[in-house]
Amino acid sequence: ATILLLLIVGTVFALSLVWWAGQNTQS
């Protein structure tokens, strides 16, 4: 369960990084 949760957290991190890179980083 911990490994699965860490994989989910890593996926959320990757998606948030990709999303944030496409935004106005001045906000």
PDB file of all heavy atoms in Angstrom:
ATOM      1  N   ALA A   1       0.839  -1.209   0.000  1.00  0.00           N
ATOM      2  CA  ALA A   1       0.000   0.000   0.000  1.00  0.00           C
ATOM      3  C   ALA A   1       0.871   1.255   0.000  1.00  0.00           C
ATOM      4  O   ALA A   1       0.549   2.238  -0.676  1.00  0.00           O
ATOM      5  CB  ALA A   1      -0.936  -0.011   1.206  1.00  0.00           C
ATOM      6  N   THR A   2       1.967   1.220   0.734  1.00  0.00           N
ATOM      7  CA  THR A   2       2.870   2.371   0.776  1.00  0.00           C
ATOM      8  C   THR A   2       3.516   2.599  -0.580  1.00  0.00           C
ATOM      9  O   THR A   2       3.601   3.745  -1.051  1.00  0.00           O
ATOM     10  CB  THR A   2       3.941   2.163   1.859  1.00  0.00           C
ATOM     11  OG1 THR A   2       3.295   1.991   3.118  1.00  0.00           O
ATOM     12  CG2 THR A   2       4.888   3.340   1.923  1.00  0.00           C
ATOM     13  N   ILE A   3       3.964   1.552  -1.222  1.00  0.00           N
ATOM     14  CA  ILE A   3       4.565   1.688  -2.556  1.00  0.00           C
ATOM     15  C   ILE A   3       3.543   2.212  -3.550  1.00  0.00           C
ATOM     16  O   ILE A   3       3.845   3.112  -4.349  1.00  0.00           O
ATOM     17  CB  ILE A   3       5.173   0.348  -3.012  1.00  0.00           C
ATOM     18  CG1 ILE A   3       6.404   0.023  -2.161  1.00  0.00           C
ATOM     19  CG2 ILE A   3       5.538   0.371  -4.487  1.00  0.00           C
ATOM     20  CD1 ILE A   3       6.945  -1.369  -2.352  1.00  0.00           C
ATOM     21  N   LEU A   4       2.323   1.685  -3.503  1.00  0.00           N
ATOM     22  CA  LEU A   4       1.265   2.171  -4.386  1.00  0.00           C
ATOM     23  C   LEU A   4       0.968   3.641  -4.131  1.00  0.00           C
ATOM     24  O   LEU A   4       0.835   4.430  -5.071  1.00  0.00           O
ATOM     25  CB  LEU A   4      -0.001   1.331  -4.210  1.00  0.00           C
ATOM     26  CG  LEU A   4      -1.199   1.740  -5.051  1.00  0.00           C
ATOM     27  CD1 LEU A   4      -0.893   1.577  -6.542  1.00  0.00           C
ATOM     28  CD2 LEU A   4      -2.427   0.938  -4.654  1.00  0.00           C
ATOM     29  N   LEU A   5       0.910   4.016  -2.868  1.00  0.00           N
ATOM     30  CA  LEU A   5       0.649   5.412  -2.520  1.00  0.00           C
ATOM     31  C   LEU A   5       1.782   6.322  -2.990  1.00  0.00           C
ATOM     32  O   LEU A   5       1.535   7.423  -3.506  1.00  0.00           O
ATOM     33  CB  LEU A   5       0.460   5.526  -1.010  1.00  0.00           C
ATOM     34  CG  LEU A   5      -0.175   6.783  -0.469  1.00  0.00           C
ATOM     35  CD1 LEU A   5      -1.487   7.093  -1.166  1.00  0.00           C
ATOM     36  CD2 LEU A   5      -0.397   6.642   1.018  1.00  0.00           C
ATOM     37  N   LEU A   6       3.021   5.865  -2.864  1.00  0.00           N
ATOM     38  CA  LEU A   6       4.149   6.659  -3.351  1.00  0.00           C
ATOM     39  C   LEU A   6       4.127   6.784  -4.874  1.00  0.00           C
ATOM     40  O   LEU A   6       4.502   7.829  -5.422  1.00  0.00           O
ATOM     41  CB  LEU A   6       5.471   6.054  -2.873  1.00  0.00           C
ATOM     42  CG  LEU A   6       5.776   6.236  -1.389  1.00  0.00           C
ATOM     43  CD1 LEU A   6       7.020   5.438  -0.993  1.00  0.00           C
ATOM     44  CD2 LEU A   6       5.935   7.703  -1.039  1.00  0.00           C
ATOM     45  N   LEU A   7       3.688   5.748  -5.570  1.00  0.00           N
ATOM     46  CA  LEU A   7       3.539   5.845  -7.026  1.00  0.00           C
ATOM     47  C   LEU A   7       2.451   6.846  -7.400  1.00  0.00           C
ATOM     48  O   LEU A   7       2.610   7.625  -8.356  1.00  0.00           O
ATOM     49  CB  LEU A   7       3.232   4.469  -7.620  1.00  0.00           C
ATOM     50  CG  LEU A   7       4.392   3.478  -7.623  1.00  0.00           C
ATOM     51  CD1 LEU A   7       3.918   2.098  -8.067  1.00  0.00           C
ATOM     52  CD2 LEU A   7       5.521   3.970  -8.509  1.00  0.00           C
ATOM     53  N   ILE A   8       1.354   6.850  -6.666  1.00  0.00           N
ATOM     54  CA  ILE A   8       0.284   7.826  -6.914  1.00  0.00           C
ATOM     55  C   ILE A   8       0.790   9.238  -6.654  1.00  0.00           C
ATOM     56  O   ILE A   8       0.558  10.153  -7.449  1.00  0.00           O
ATOM     57  CB  ILE A   8      -0.952   7.502  -6.049  1.00  0.00           C
ATOM     58  CG1 ILE A   8      -1.609   6.212  -6.533  1.00  0.00           C
ATOM     59  CG2 ILE A   8      -1.956   8.652  -6.053  1.00  0.00           C
ATOM     60  CD1 ILE A   8      -2.671   5.667  -5.599  1.00  0.00           C
ATOM     61  N   VAL A   9       1.507   9.419  -5.553  1.00  0.00           N
ATOM     62  CA  VAL A   9       2.055  10.735  -5.218  1.00  0.00           C
ATOM     63  C   VAL A   9       3.050  11.180  -6.288  1.00  0.00           C
ATOM     64  O   VAL A   9       3.054  12.346  -6.703  1.00  0.00           O
ATOM     65  CB  VAL A   9       2.711  10.696  -3.821  1.00  0.00           C
ATOM     66  CG1 VAL A   9       3.561  11.924  -3.567  1.00  0.00           C
ATOM     67  CG2 VAL A   9       1.649  10.550  -2.748  1.00  0.00           C
ATOM     68  N   GLY A  10       3.885  10.261  -6.771  1.00  0.00           N
ATOM     69  CA  GLY A  10       4.831  10.598  -7.838  1.00  0.00           C
ATOM     70  C   GLY A  10       4.124  10.996  -9.123  1.00  0.00           C
ATOM     71  O   GLY A  10       4.551  11.926  -9.816  1.00  0.00           O
ATOM     72  N   THR A  11       3.033  10.315  -9.432  1.00  0.00           N
ATOM     73  CA  THR A  11       2.248  10.660 -10.625  1.00  0.00           C
ATOM     74  C   THR A  11       1.617  12.035 -10.476  1.00  0.00           C
ATOM     75  O   THR A  11       1.648  12.845 -11.414  1.00  0.00           O
ATOM     76  CB  THR A  11       1.167   9.594 -10.869  1.00  0.00           C
ATOM     77  OG1 THR A  11       1.796   8.326 -11.006  1.00  0.00           O
ATOM     78  CG2 THR A  11       0.367   9.900 -12.117  1.00  0.00           C
ATOM     79  N   VAL A  12       1.058  12.310  -9.304  1.00  0.00           N
ATOM     80  CA  VAL A  12       0.465  13.629  -9.061  1.00  0.00           C
ATOM     81  C   VAL A  12       1.532  14.712  -9.154  1.00  0.00           C
ATOM     82  O   VAL A  12       1.298  15.787  -9.718  1.00  0.00           O
ATOM     83  CB  VAL A  12      -0.266  13.659  -7.695  1.00  0.00           C
ATOM     84  CG1 VAL A  12      -0.659  15.069  -7.309  1.00  0.00           C
ATOM     85  CG2 VAL A  12      -1.489  12.754  -7.723  1.00  0.00           C
ATOM     86  N   PHE A  13       2.734  14.428  -8.631  1.00  0.00           N
ATOM     87  CA  PHE A  13       3.838  15.388  -8.732  1.00  0.00           C
ATOM     88  C   PHE A  13       4.194  15.654 -10.192  1.00  0.00           C
ATOM     89  O   PHE A  13       4.341  16.806 -10.607  1.00  0.00           O
ATOM     90  CB  PHE A  13       5.063  14.874  -7.973  1.00  0.00           C
ATOM     91  CG  PHE A  13       6.327  15.628  -8.285  1.00  0.00           C
ATOM     92  CD1 PHE A  13       6.480  16.941  -7.895  1.00  0.00           C
ATOM     93  CD2 PHE A  13       7.360  15.023  -8.975  1.00  0.00           C
ATOM     94  CE1 PHE A  13       7.645  17.647  -8.182  1.00  0.00           C
ATOM     95  CE2 PHE A  13       8.525  15.701  -9.268  1.00  0.00           C
ATOM     96  CZ  PHE A  13       8.668  17.029  -8.870  1.00  0.00           C
ATOM     97  N   ALA A  14       4.341  14.597 -10.975  1.00  0.00           N
ATOM     98  CA  ALA A  14       4.700  14.763 -12.391  1.00  0.00           C
ATOM     99  C   ALA A  14       3.627  15.555 -13.134  1.00  0.00           C
ATOM    100  O   ALA A  14       3.951  16.465 -13.912  1.00  0.00           O
ATOM    101  CB  ALA A  14       4.912  13.399 -13.043  1.00  0.00           C
ATOM    102  N   LEU A  15       2.372  15.227 -12.888  1.00  0.00           N
ATOM    103  CA  LEU A  15       1.289  15.953 -13.554  1.00  0.00           C
ATOM    104  C   LEU A  15       1.234  17.412 -13.116  1.00  0.00           C
ATOM    105  O   LEU A  15       1.017  18.313 -13.939  1.00  0.00           O
ATOM    106  CB  LEU A  15      -0.050  15.264 -13.288  1.00  0.00           C
ATOM    107  CG  LEU A  15      -0.229  13.894 -13.937  1.00  0.00           C
ATOM    108  CD1 LEU A  15      -1.528  13.243 -13.465  1.00  0.00           C
ATOM    109  CD2 LEU A  15      -0.192  14.007 -15.449  1.00  0.00           C
ATOM    110  N   SER A  16       1.432  17.663 -11.830  1.00  0.00           N
ATOM    111  CA  SER A  16       1.401  19.045 -11.359  1.00  0.00           C
ATOM    112  C   SER A  16       2.588  19.835 -11.889  1.00  0.00           C
ATOM    113  O   SER A  16       2.457  21.020 -12.214  1.00  0.00           O
ATOM    114  CB  SER A  16       1.351  19.104  -9.836  1.00  0.00           C
ATOM    115  OG  SER A  16       2.549  18.637  -9.269  1.00  0.00           O
ATOM    116  N   LEU A  17       3.726  19.182 -12.032  1.00  0.00           N
ATOM    117  CA  LEU A  17       4.900  19.854 -12.588  1.00  0.00           C
ATOM    118  C   LEU A  17       4.677  20.225 -14.046  1.00  0.00           C
ATOM    119  O   LEU A  17       4.986  21.346 -14.475  1.00  0.00           O
ATOM    120  CB  LEU A  17       6.129  18.959 -12.437  1.00  0.00           C
ATOM    121  CG  LEU A  17       7.463  19.556 -12.827  1.00  0.00           C
ATOM    122  CD1 LEU A  17       7.779  20.777 -11.989  1.00  0.00           C
ATOM    123  CD2 LEU A  17       8.561  18.514 -12.657  1.00  0.00           C
ATOM    124  N   VAL A  18       4.110  19.299 -14.810  1.00  0.00           N
ATOM    125  CA  VAL A  18       3.820  19.583 -16.219  1.00  0.00           C
ATOM    126  C   VAL A  18       2.783  20.687 -16.334  1.00  0.00           C
ATOM    127  O   VAL A  18       2.926  21.610 -17.143  1.00  0.00           O
ATOM    128  CB  VAL A  18       3.345  18.287 -16.934  1.00  0.00           C
ATOM    129  CG1 VAL A  18       2.765  18.594 -18.301  1.00  0.00           C
ATOM    130  CG2 VAL A  18       4.486  17.300 -17.045  1.00  0.00           C
ATOM    131  N   TRP A  19       1.749  20.622 -15.499  1.00  0.00           N
ATOM    132  CA  TRP A  19       0.706  21.646 -15.549  1.00  0.00           C
ATOM    133  C   TRP A  19       1.261  23.014 -15.155  1.00  0.00           C
ATOM    134  O   TRP A  19       0.995  24.009 -15.814  1.00  0.00           O
ATOM    135  CB  TRP A  19      -0.446  21.258 -14.615  1.00  0.00           C
ATOM    136  CG  TRP A  19      -1.571  22.248 -14.644  1.00  0.00           C
ATOM    137  CD1 TRP A  19      -2.601  22.282 -15.527  1.00  0.00           C
ATOM    138  CD2 TRP A  19      -1.761  23.347 -13.759  1.00  0.00           C
ATOM    139  NE1 TRP A  19      -3.421  23.340 -15.241  1.00  0.00           N
ATOM    140  CE2 TRP A  19      -2.928  24.012 -14.154  1.00  0.00           C
ATOM    141  CE3 TRP A  19      -1.052  23.837 -12.656  1.00  0.00           C
ATOM    142  CZ2 TRP A  19      -3.409  25.138 -13.495  1.00  0.00           C
ATOM    143  CZ3 TRP A  19      -1.529  24.949 -12.011  1.00  0.00           C
ATOM    144  CH2 TRP A  19      -2.692  25.589 -12.430  1.00  0.00           C
ATOM    145  N   TRP A  20       2.049  23.046 -14.076  1.00  0.00           N
ATOM    146  CA  TRP A  20       2.579  24.313 -13.578  1.00  0.00           C
ATOM    147  C   TRP A  20       3.589  24.917 -14.558  1.00  0.00           C
ATOM    148  O   TRP A  20       3.671  26.136 -14.685  1.00  0.00           O
ATOM    149  CB  TRP A  20       3.217  24.122 -12.209  1.00  0.00           C
ATOM    150  CG  TRP A  20       3.747  25.366 -11.576  1.00  0.00           C
ATOM    151  CD1 TRP A  20       5.031  25.606 -11.235  1.00  0.00           C
ATOM    152  CD2 TRP A  20       3.012  26.546 -11.223  1.00  0.00           C
ATOM    153  NE1 TRP A  20       5.155  26.843 -10.678  1.00  0.00           N
ATOM    154  CE2 TRP A  20       3.926  27.451 -10.661  1.00  0.00           C
ATOM    155  CE3 TRP A  20       1.687  26.921 -11.319  1.00  0.00           C
ATOM    156  CZ2 TRP A  20       3.555  28.703 -10.195  1.00  0.00           C
ATOM    157  CZ3 TRP A  20       1.311  28.171 -10.863  1.00  0.00           C
ATOM    158  CH2 TRP A  20       2.234  29.045 -10.309  1.00  0.00           C
ATOM    159  N   ALA A  21       4.336  24.092 -15.268  1.00  0.00           N
ATOM    160  CA  ALA A  21       5.306  24.602 -16.239  1.00  0.00           C
ATOM    161  C   ALA A  21       4.611  25.331 -17.384  1.00  0.00           C
ATOM    162  O   ALA A  21       5.182  26.240 -17.979  1.00  0.00           O
ATOM    163  CB  ALA A  21       6.153  23.461 -16.787  1.00  0.00           C
ATOM    164  N   GLY A  22       3.369  24.962 -17.677  1.00  0.00           N
ATOM    165  CA  GLY A  22       2.629  25.619 -18.742  1.00  0.00           C
ATOM    166  C   GLY A  22       1.861  26.852 -18.303  1.00  0.00           C
ATOM    167  O   GLY A  22       1.235  27.524 -19.117  1.00  0.00           O
ATOM    168  N   GLN A  23       1.914  27.175 -17.022  1.00  0.00           N
ATOM    169  CA  GLN A  23       1.181  28.321 -16.493  1.00  0.00           C
ATOM    170  C   GLN A  23       2.079  29.541 -16.403  1.00  0.00           C
ATOM    171  O   GLN A  23       3.286  29.464 -16.572  1.00  0.00           O
ATOM    172  CB  GLN A  23       0.611  28.001 -15.098  1.00  0.00           C
ATOM    173  CG  GLN A  23      -0.294  26.811 -15.057  1.00  0.00           C
ATOM    174  CD  GLN A  23      -1.507  26.968 -15.946  1.00  0.00           C
ATOM    175  OE1 GLN A  23      -2.202  27.985 -15.880  1.00  0.00           O
ATOM    176  NE2 GLN A  23      -1.761  25.994 -16.784  1.00  0.00           N
ATOM    177  N   ASN A  24       1.463  30.661 -16.050  1.00  0.00           N
ATOM    178  CA  ASN A  24       2.198  31.888 -15.789  1.00  0.00           C
ATOM    179  C   ASN A  24       2.853  31.742 -14.420  1.00  0.00           C
ATOM    180  O   ASN A  24       2.171  31.770 -13.402  1.00  0.00           O
ATOM    181  CB  ASN A  24       1.237  33.083 -15.810  1.00  0.00           C
ATOM    182  CG  ASN A  24       1.925  34.385 -15.477  1.00  0.00           C
ATOM    183  OD1 ASN A  24       3.151  34.445 -15.396  1.00  0.00           O
ATOM    184  ND2 ASN A  24       1.145  35.417 -15.267  1.00  0.00           N
ATOM    185  N   THR A  25       4.152  31.578 -14.389  1.00  0.00           N
ATOM    186  CA  THR A  25       4.832  31.324 -13.123  1.00  0.00           C
ATOM    187  C   THR A  25       4.986  32.583 -12.275  1.00  0.00           C
ATOM    188  O   THR A  25       5.553  32.525 -11.194  1.00  0.00           O
ATOM    189  CB  THR A  25       6.219  30.695 -13.366  1.00  0.00           C
ATOM    190  OG1 THR A  25       6.981  31.551 -14.211  1.00  0.00           O
ATOM    191  CG2 THR A  25       6.087  29.320 -13.971  1.00  0.00           C
ATOM    192  N   GLN A  26       4.479  33.705 -12.747  1.00  0.00           N
ATOM    193  CA  GLN A  26       4.492  34.910 -11.929  1.00  0.00           C
ATOM    194  C   GLN A  26       3.352  34.876 -10.911  1.00  0.00           C
ATOM    195  O   GLN A  26       3.346  35.630  -9.955  1.00  0.00           O
ATOM    196  CB  GLN A  26       4.378  36.159 -12.810  1.00  0.00           C
ATOM    197  CG  GLN A  26       5.508  36.318 -13.805  1.00  0.00           C
ATOM    198  CD  GLN A  26       6.874  36.369 -13.137  1.00  0.00           C
ATOM    199  OE1 GLN A  26       7.024  36.911 -12.060  1.00  0.00           O
ATOM    200  NE2 GLN A  26       7.869  35.790 -13.793  1.00  0.00           N
ATOM    201  N   SER A  27       2.387  33.985 -11.137  1.00  0.00           N
ATOM    202  CA  SER A  27       1.275  33.866 -10.204  1.00  0.00           C
ATOM    203  C   SER A  27       1.663  32.924  -9.064  1.00  0.00           C
ATOM    204  O   SER A  27       2.703  32.292  -9.092  1.00  0.00           O
ATOM    205  CB  SER A  27       0.032  33.357 -10.933  1.00  0.00           C
ATOM    206  OG  SER A  27       0.276  32.078 -11.472  1.00  0.00           O
TER     207      SER A  27
END
